[in-house]
Amino acid sequence: MTPERRAATEDRVMRRPLAALCLAVAVGSTGTARAEGVPRELALELVECVPAPLAYDELRTGLEVELAHAGVASFPTPTPSSLGRGQGRLEVEVSCDPSRPEARLTLEGPEGRRAAQVIELADVRPALWARTISLFAAEVMQSTWPQWMTPPVTETAEAEAEPGSASAPTPSPPAAPTVIPESRPPPPAPAPVRLGGSNGTLSRKAPDGPTHRTITLYATPTLEHFPSPPTWQRGAASGVGVRRFDLGLSALAGSHEMGALLSSRFSFDLGWRVVERALPSVYLAIVPRLRLGVVAAWARPRVTQLGYDRSAPYADATVGLVLGVPFARRCTVALTSQVGAARGFLATADGRRIAAFDGLLFGAGLETRCGIR
């Protein structure tokens, strides 16, 4: 074998392990990029409001199921510390204003990366809100995270000696690809996406308008006044709120004529929160209310010889203003005021009025309301 042919054979033999090494490096780089398709750890943070527009526990469970199915390994408690590689944070905020049914998703990654998406829920049934938000969150993560985590790779030139040259140097393995960290500005917030239909398909249907979607329990100590003649009664009302309607019971009692006359009033209450705004720090509602029941008044035998005893059906219609603030997790405490007209009877003795359960009516109270769904 001539020297020239021997040199060419040796060069081909040395190139075979070199090609295998390059192939291994390429496969390793591809596997690393695939592994960065989703964050390893994703902290979930739900911004809650009162009254609750949906069941937050159901929303958190749905998010964890869908994101785990997409590849997220764990969901640690959110902390203010900076995020490392493979760590992310997802904030979900559902609007507290019933007139704007929407959810905002904010995804954060390492090096200050941030992406936001708004989902309009006006055309989605409330029972499907949690499911819709969970599916959409998984889609946002799977489409955004790989763009953040795929860095550019520098190309390394491979120097080869010409075959047949006796003085050709022995080729060395190429250097590993150099990863250059890249800082990208956060992308602009995309336009809102409106979802509609029972299965969350895209739709252009206009929103249906505000609807209260929670079930609440309330209790209200009250003080009420009939001005002519001045008659005071105090008591309490309690009941349940379903959507915008309240259904409850109230009981009030009073003492008149220096304790000579006692009174009591029991009624069924039906209220309608015709205007309602649940802002982050203030709860406001205007509530027309109808009450039907019975009122009774009787004289105390040991105090007077009045001998009065009377009962009659009772009804009133009022308009109330509720102004409150949230406390605890799903509750509000509010001041209430009301004005209206009542129909009952006037208690008289010796030709003069001693108590009134009829005519103009004023009231005030302190309402505590908590959501259960």
Protein backbone atom coordinates (compact mmCIF):
# COMPACT_ATOMS: atom_id res chain seq x y z
CA MET A 1 0.00 0.00 0.00
CA THR A 2 1.37 3.33 -1.02
CA PRO A 3 1.88 6.05 1.64
CA GLU A 4 -0.82 8.23 0.04
CA ARG A 5 -3.46 5.46 0.20
CA ARG A 6 -2.50 4.58 3.81
CA ALA A 7 -2.98 8.23 4.90
CA ALA A 8 -6.44 8.41 3.28
CA THR A 9 -7.54 5.16 5.00
CA GLU A 10 -6.42 6.40 8.43
CA ASP A 11 -8.29 9.68 7.90
CA ARG A 12 -11.60 7.87 7.14
CA VAL A 13 -11.22 5.66 10.22
CA MET A 14 -10.72 8.69 12.46
CA ARG A 15 -13.76 10.46 11.03
CA ARG A 16 -16.22 7.71 12.12
CA PRO A 17 -15.98 8.37 15.91
CA LEU A 18 -16.03 12.08 15.18
CA ALA A 19 -19.40 11.78 13.37
CA ALA A 20 -20.79 9.65 16.22
CA LEU A 21 -19.72 12.28 18.77
CA CYS A 22 -21.41 15.09 16.80
CA LEU A 23 -24.62 13.03 16.56
CA ALA A 24 -24.62 12.44 20.35
CA VAL A 25 -24.19 16.15 21.05
CA ALA A 26 -27.07 17.01 18.71
CA VAL A 27 -29.37 14.41 20.28
CA GLY A 28 -28.49 15.65 23.79
CA SER A 29 -29.28 19.23 22.85
CA THR A 30 -32.63 18.21 21.38
CA GLY A 31 -33.55 16.25 24.54
CA THR A 32 -32.67 19.23 26.76
CA ALA A 33 -34.87 21.58 24.73
CA ARG A 34 -37.77 19.10 24.90
CA ALA A 35 -37.38 18.81 28.68
CA GLU A 36 -37.73 22.60 28.96
CA GLY A 37 -41.12 22.54 27.22
CA VAL A 38 -42.88 23.14 30.58
CA PRO A 39 -41.62 24.36 33.98
CA ARG A 40 -40.52 21.74 36.49
CA GLU A 41 -42.15 23.70 39.36
CA LEU A 42 -45.10 26.05 38.94
CA ALA A 43 -46.46 28.10 41.87
CA LEU A 44 -50.20 28.79 41.56
CA GLU A 45 -51.59 32.04 42.98
CA LEU A 46 -55.36 32.71 42.92
CA VAL A 47 -56.53 36.29 43.50
CA GLU A 48 -59.83 35.90 45.37
CA CYS A 49 -62.66 38.37 45.91
CA VAL A 50 -65.94 38.55 47.85
CA PRO A 51 -68.57 37.57 46.86
CA ALA A 52 -66.77 34.70 45.14
CA PRO A 53 -67.63 34.55 41.39
CA LEU A 54 -66.77 30.81 41.32
CA ALA A 55 -65.54 28.00 43.57
CA TYR A 56 -61.83 28.72 44.04
CA ASP A 57 -61.10 25.23 45.42
CA GLU A 58 -62.54 23.70 42.25
CA LEU A 59 -60.49 26.09 40.12
CA ARG A 60 -57.23 25.22 41.93
CA THR A 61 -57.90 21.49 41.56
CA GLY A 62 -58.65 21.86 37.85
CA LEU A 63 -55.48 23.88 37.26
CA GLU A 64 -53.30 21.31 39.01
CA VAL A 65 -54.85 18.44 37.05
CA GLU A 66 -54.48 20.09 33.62
CA LEU A 67 -50.99 21.49 34.26
CA ALA A 68 -49.76 18.17 35.68
CA HIS A 69 -51.11 16.45 32.57
CA ALA A 70 -49.08 18.94 30.51
CA GLY A 71 -45.90 17.93 32.37
CA VAL A 72 -45.56 20.14 35.48
CA ALA A 73 -44.04 18.08 38.31
CA SER A 74 -44.98 20.06 41.43
CA PHE A 75 -46.95 23.10 42.63
CA PRO A 76 -45.05 24.78 45.50
CA THR A 77 -46.43 27.59 47.64
CA PRO A 78 -45.87 31.02 45.96
CA THR A 79 -42.96 33.01 47.45
CA PRO A 80 -41.59 36.48 46.63
CA SER A 81 -38.15 35.03 45.82
CA SER A 82 -36.78 35.14 42.28
CA LEU A 83 -37.43 32.23 39.93
CA GLY A 84 -34.68 29.87 38.82
CA ARG A 85 -34.42 27.71 35.75
CA GLY A 86 -37.33 25.30 35.51
CA GLN A 87 -39.42 27.37 37.95
CA GLY A 88 -42.47 29.47 37.11
CA ARG A 89 -45.39 31.27 38.68
CA LEU A 90 -48.99 31.45 37.39
CA GLU A 91 -51.41 34.05 38.74
CA VAL A 92 -55.14 33.65 38.01
CA GLU A 93 -57.50 36.54 38.73
CA VAL A 94 -61.24 36.28 38.04
CA SER A 95 -62.98 39.65 37.87
CA CYS A 96 -64.90 40.61 41.02
CA ASP A 97 -67.27 42.80 38.99
CA PRO A 98 -70.31 40.76 37.85
CA SER A 99 -70.71 43.11 34.87
CA ARG A 100 -67.26 42.07 33.53
CA PRO A 101 -67.09 38.23 33.60
CA GLU A 102 -63.47 37.62 32.64
CA ALA A 103 -60.26 36.00 33.92
CA ARG A 104 -56.67 37.24 33.63
CA LEU A 105 -53.77 34.78 33.48
CA THR A 106 -50.23 36.01 34.20
CA LEU A 107 -47.33 33.58 33.61
CA GLU A 108 -43.89 34.46 35.02
CA GLY A 109 -40.58 32.77 34.29
CA PRO A 110 -36.87 33.17 35.08
CA GLU A 111 -35.01 36.41 34.28
CA GLY A 112 -38.15 38.53 34.59
CA ARG A 113 -40.02 36.95 31.68
CA ARG A 114 -43.75 37.60 31.86
CA ALA A 115 -46.82 36.96 29.69
CA ALA A 116 -50.47 37.87 30.30
CA GLN A 117 -53.71 36.68 28.71
CA VAL A 118 -57.32 37.81 29.30
CA ILE A 119 -60.20 35.34 28.88
CA GLU A 120 -63.71 36.74 28.52
CA LEU A 121 -66.26 34.39 30.11
CA ALA A 122 -69.50 36.18 29.26
CA ASP A 123 -70.71 33.34 27.02
CA VAL A 124 -69.53 30.44 29.22
CA ARG A 125 -71.89 28.85 31.72
CA PRO A 126 -70.70 29.55 35.31
CA ALA A 127 -70.48 25.83 36.06
CA LEU A 128 -67.78 25.54 33.35
CA TRP A 129 -65.68 28.54 34.35
CA ALA A 130 -63.12 26.54 36.36
CA ARG A 131 -62.73 23.92 33.60
CA THR A 132 -62.40 26.56 30.87
CA ILE A 133 -59.78 28.58 32.76
CA SER A 134 -57.78 25.42 33.56
CA LEU A 135 -57.66 24.26 29.92
CA PHE A 136 -56.75 27.73 28.70
CA ALA A 137 -53.97 28.05 31.34
CA ALA A 138 -52.38 24.80 30.14
CA GLU A 139 -52.49 26.01 26.53
CA VAL A 140 -50.90 29.37 27.45
CA MET A 141 -48.08 27.64 29.34
CA GLN A 142 -47.37 25.10 26.59
CA SER A 143 -47.25 27.79 23.89
CA THR A 144 -45.24 30.39 25.86
CA TRP A 145 -42.71 28.49 27.99
CA PRO A 146 -40.79 26.74 25.13
CA GLN A 147 -40.18 30.15 23.48
CA TRP A 148 -38.58 31.39 26.69
CA MET A 149 -36.48 28.30 27.35
CA THR A 150 -35.06 27.64 23.83
CA PRO A 151 -31.69 29.49 23.68
CA PRO A 152 -29.66 30.09 20.49
CA VAL A 153 -26.71 27.77 19.85
CA THR A 154 -23.38 28.94 18.34
CA GLU A 155 -22.00 26.90 15.51
CA THR A 156 -18.45 25.53 15.85
CA ALA A 157 -16.46 25.24 12.63
CA GLU A 158 -14.74 21.95 12.09
CA ALA A 159 -11.23 22.12 10.68
CA GLU A 160 -10.27 19.16 8.59
CA ALA A 161 -6.98 18.32 7.01
CA GLU A 162 -6.94 17.41 3.34
CA PRO A 163 -6.66 13.66 2.72
CA GLY A 164 -3.41 12.50 1.25
CA SER A 165 -1.29 15.03 3.09
CA ALA A 166 1.50 13.39 5.06
CA SER A 167 1.72 16.32 7.46
CA ALA A 168 -2.09 16.41 8.22
CA PRO A 169 -2.68 16.94 11.99
CA THR A 170 -4.85 14.53 13.96
CA PRO A 171 -8.42 15.98 14.11
CA SER A 172 -9.75 16.67 17.62
CA PRO A 173 -13.41 16.35 18.78
CA PRO A 174 -15.45 19.54 18.36
CA ALA A 175 -16.18 21.68 21.40
CA ALA A 176 -19.57 21.39 23.04
CA PRO A 177 -22.15 23.93 21.87
CA THR A 178 -21.94 27.21 23.74
CA VAL A 179 -25.27 28.40 25.16
CA ILE A 180 -25.58 32.16 25.24
CA PRO A 181 -28.09 33.38 27.86
CA GLU A 182 -30.56 35.74 26.34
CA SER A 183 -32.63 38.43 28.04
CA ARG A 184 -35.82 39.14 26.18
CA PRO A 185 -38.27 41.89 27.07
CA PRO A 186 -41.67 40.63 28.20
CA PRO A 187 -44.05 40.23 25.26
CA PRO A 188 -46.97 42.65 25.01
CA ALA A 189 -50.27 41.55 26.48
CA PRO A 190 -52.29 39.82 23.74
CA ALA A 191 -55.78 40.86 22.83
CA PRO A 192 -58.62 39.39 24.90
CA VAL A 193 -60.00 36.07 23.71
CA ARG A 194 -63.73 35.56 24.07
CA LEU A 195 -64.91 32.05 24.75
CA GLY A 196 -68.44 30.87 24.19
CA GLY A 197 -70.66 27.82 24.11
CA SER A 198 -70.89 25.01 26.64
CA ASN A 199 -67.54 23.48 25.60
CA GLY A 200 -65.47 26.67 25.56
CA THR A 201 -65.22 27.04 21.75
CA LEU A 202 -64.39 30.40 20.23
CA SER A 203 -67.38 32.66 19.70
CA ARG A 204 -68.20 36.28 18.86
CA LYS A 205 -71.51 36.40 20.67
CA ALA A 206 -72.14 39.56 22.75
CA PRO A 207 -72.14 39.20 26.56
CA ASP A 208 -75.45 38.52 28.29
CA GLY A 209 -75.00 41.15 31.01
CA PRO A 210 -74.32 41.02 34.77
CA THR A 211 -75.51 38.00 36.75
CA HIS A 212 -74.81 37.19 40.40
CA ARG A 213 -73.69 33.56 40.55
CA THR A 214 -73.02 32.78 44.24
CA ILE A 215 -75.07 31.36 47.09
CA THR A 216 -74.75 33.36 50.33
CA LEU A 217 -76.00 33.35 53.91
CA TYR A 218 -76.75 36.60 55.71
CA ALA A 219 -77.73 37.86 59.16
CA THR A 220 -78.70 41.45 59.99
CA PRO A 221 -79.47 43.03 63.38
CA THR A 222 -81.96 45.83 62.61
CA LEU A 223 -83.60 48.88 64.15
CA GLU A 224 -86.82 50.25 62.61
CA HIS A 225 -88.86 53.38 63.24
CA PHE A 226 -92.42 54.52 62.47
CA PRO A 227 -92.48 58.32 62.85
CA SER A 228 -96.19 58.96 63.57
CA PRO A 229 -96.48 58.43 66.45
CA PRO A 230 -92.80 57.65 67.20
CA THR A 231 -92.57 53.85 67.46
CA TRP A 232 -89.33 51.87 67.64
CA GLN A 233 -88.77 48.17 67.12
CA ARG A 234 -85.54 46.20 67.09
CA GLY A 235 -84.73 42.65 66.05
CA ALA A 236 -82.92 40.66 63.40
CA ALA A 237 -83.31 39.22 59.92
CA SER A 238 -81.54 36.23 58.38
CA GLY A 239 -81.80 34.12 55.27
CA VAL A 240 -80.12 32.88 52.10
CA GLY A 241 -79.20 34.67 48.89
CA VAL A 242 -79.44 32.84 45.57
CA ARG A 243 -78.08 34.69 42.56
CA ARG A 244 -79.56 38.20 43.00
CA PHE A 245 -82.46 37.21 45.28
CA ASP A 246 -82.68 37.07 49.08
CA LEU A 247 -85.21 34.92 50.92
CA GLY A 248 -85.42 35.11 54.71
CA LEU A 249 -87.27 35.71 57.97
CA SER A 250 -87.33 38.72 60.27
CA ALA A 251 -88.51 39.18 63.84
CA LEU A 252 -88.79 42.51 65.69
CA ALA A 253 -90.19 43.62 69.04
CA GLY A 254 -90.71 46.88 70.89
CA SER A 255 -91.84 48.50 74.12
CA HIS A 256 -94.08 51.59 74.11
CA GLU A 257 -95.79 53.98 76.53
CA MET A 258 -93.10 53.56 79.21
CA GLY A 259 -93.33 49.78 78.93
CA ALA A 260 -97.11 49.63 79.21
CA LEU A 261 -97.52 48.30 75.67
CA LEU A 262 -95.47 45.55 74.00
CA SER A 263 -95.35 44.67 70.32
CA SER A 264 -93.88 42.03 68.06
CA ARG A 265 -93.66 41.54 64.31
CA PHE A 266 -92.80 38.42 62.26
CA SER A 267 -92.52 38.34 58.47
CA PHE A 268 -91.21 36.50 55.44
CA ASP A 269 -88.76 38.62 53.42
CA LEU A 270 -88.11 38.69 49.69
CA GLY A 271 -85.35 40.99 48.41
CA TRP A 272 -83.85 41.63 45.00
CA ARG A 273 -80.35 43.09 44.62
CA VAL A 274 -81.24 45.03 41.51
CA VAL A 275 -77.91 46.92 41.47
CA GLU A 276 -74.80 45.19 42.80
CA ARG A 277 -71.11 46.01 42.56
CA ALA A 278 -68.38 43.92 44.19
CA LEU A 279 -65.15 45.90 43.88
CA PRO A 280 -61.82 44.86 45.48
CA SER A 281 -62.40 47.08 48.55
CA VAL A 282 -66.10 48.07 48.53
CA TYR A 283 -69.39 46.18 48.18
CA LEU A 284 -72.43 48.22 47.06
CA ALA A 285 -76.03 47.11 46.44
CA ILE A 286 -79.50 48.63 46.09
CA VAL A 287 -82.17 46.22 47.38
CA PRO A 288 -85.97 46.58 46.97
CA ARG A 289 -87.63 44.34 49.56
CA LEU A 290 -91.17 43.01 50.21
CA ARG A 291 -92.20 41.61 53.62
CA LEU A 292 -95.41 39.79 54.56
CA GLY A 293 -96.31 38.66 58.07
CA VAL A 294 -98.20 39.54 61.22
CA VAL A 295 -97.90 42.26 63.87
CA ALA A 296 -99.31 42.14 67.39
CA ALA A 297 -99.53 44.56 70.33
CA TRP A 298 -100.73 43.93 73.87
CA ALA A 299 -100.80 45.68 77.22
CA ARG A 300 -98.75 44.48 80.19
CA PRO A 301 -101.27 43.68 82.95
CA ARG A 302 -98.91 44.44 85.83
CA VAL A 303 -97.99 47.86 84.46
CA THR A 304 -101.25 49.33 83.19
CA GLN A 305 -105.00 48.83 83.17
CA LEU A 306 -105.08 49.61 79.46
CA GLY A 307 -106.44 46.20 78.51
CA TYR A 308 -105.23 46.47 74.92
CA ASP A 309 -104.71 43.35 72.78
CA ARG A 310 -104.69 43.32 69.00
CA SER A 311 -103.02 41.53 66.07
CA ALA A 312 -103.33 41.98 62.31
CA PRO A 313 -101.68 41.02 59.02
CA TYR A 314 -98.67 43.11 58.17
CA ALA A 315 -96.96 44.06 54.89
CA ASP A 316 -94.36 46.60 53.84
CA ALA A 317 -92.32 47.51 50.77
CA THR A 318 -88.93 49.19 51.16
CA VAL A 319 -85.88 50.20 49.16
CA GLY A 320 -82.51 49.71 50.87
CA LEU A 321 -78.89 50.72 50.34
CA VAL A 322 -76.09 48.30 51.32
CA LEU A 323 -72.51 49.59 51.65
CA GLY A 324 -69.85 47.25 52.99
CA VAL A 325 -66.28 45.98 52.94
CA PRO A 326 -64.90 42.43 52.57
CA PHE A 327 -63.40 40.53 55.48
CA ALA A 328 -62.21 36.97 56.07
CA ARG A 329 -62.15 34.95 52.84
CA ARG A 330 -65.66 35.05 51.38
CA CYS A 331 -67.57 37.44 53.64
CA THR A 332 -68.61 41.08 53.73
CA VAL A 333 -69.84 43.27 56.57
CA ALA A 334 -72.08 46.15 55.52
CA LEU A 335 -74.20 49.00 56.83
CA THR A 336 -77.80 48.92 55.57
CA SER A 337 -80.47 51.59 55.43
CA GLN A 338 -84.01 51.43 54.13
CA VAL A 339 -87.12 53.54 53.65
CA GLY A 340 -90.61 52.47 52.64
CA ALA A 341 -94.28 52.19 53.49
CA ALA A 342 -96.03 49.70 55.77
CA ARG A 343 -99.58 48.46 56.19
CA GLY A 344 -100.58 47.22 59.62
CA PHE A 345 -102.59 49.08 62.28
CA LEU A 346 -102.45 51.98 64.73
CA ALA A 347 -102.66 51.24 68.46
CA THR A 348 -104.95 53.78 70.19
CA ALA A 349 -106.09 54.36 73.76
CA ASP A 350 -108.50 56.99 75.06
CA GLY A 351 -108.75 58.45 71.58
CA ARG A 352 -105.03 58.98 71.06
CA ARG A 353 -102.38 57.06 69.14
CA ILE A 354 -99.88 55.25 71.34
CA ALA A 355 -98.05 53.17 68.70
CA ALA A 356 -97.96 52.86 64.92
CA PHE A 357 -97.29 49.88 62.69
CA ASP A 358 -98.57 51.61 59.60
CA GLY A 359 -97.41 54.34 57.22
CA LEU A 360 -93.88 55.62 56.64
CA LEU A 361 -91.07 53.33 57.79
CA PHE A 362 -87.31 53.86 58.27
CA GLY A 363 -84.72 51.20 59.13
CA ALA A 364 -81.00 50.58 59.61
CA GLY A 365 -78.88 47.50 60.26
CA LEU A 366 -75.50 45.81 60.18
CA GLU A 367 -75.40 42.96 57.66
CA THR A 368 -72.92 40.07 57.62
CA ARG A 369 -72.96 38.00 54.42
CA CYS A 370 -70.79 35.00 53.52
CA GLY A 371 -70.62 32.99 50.30
CA ILE A 372 -70.89 29.19 50.38
CA ARG A 373 -70.66 28.53 46.59
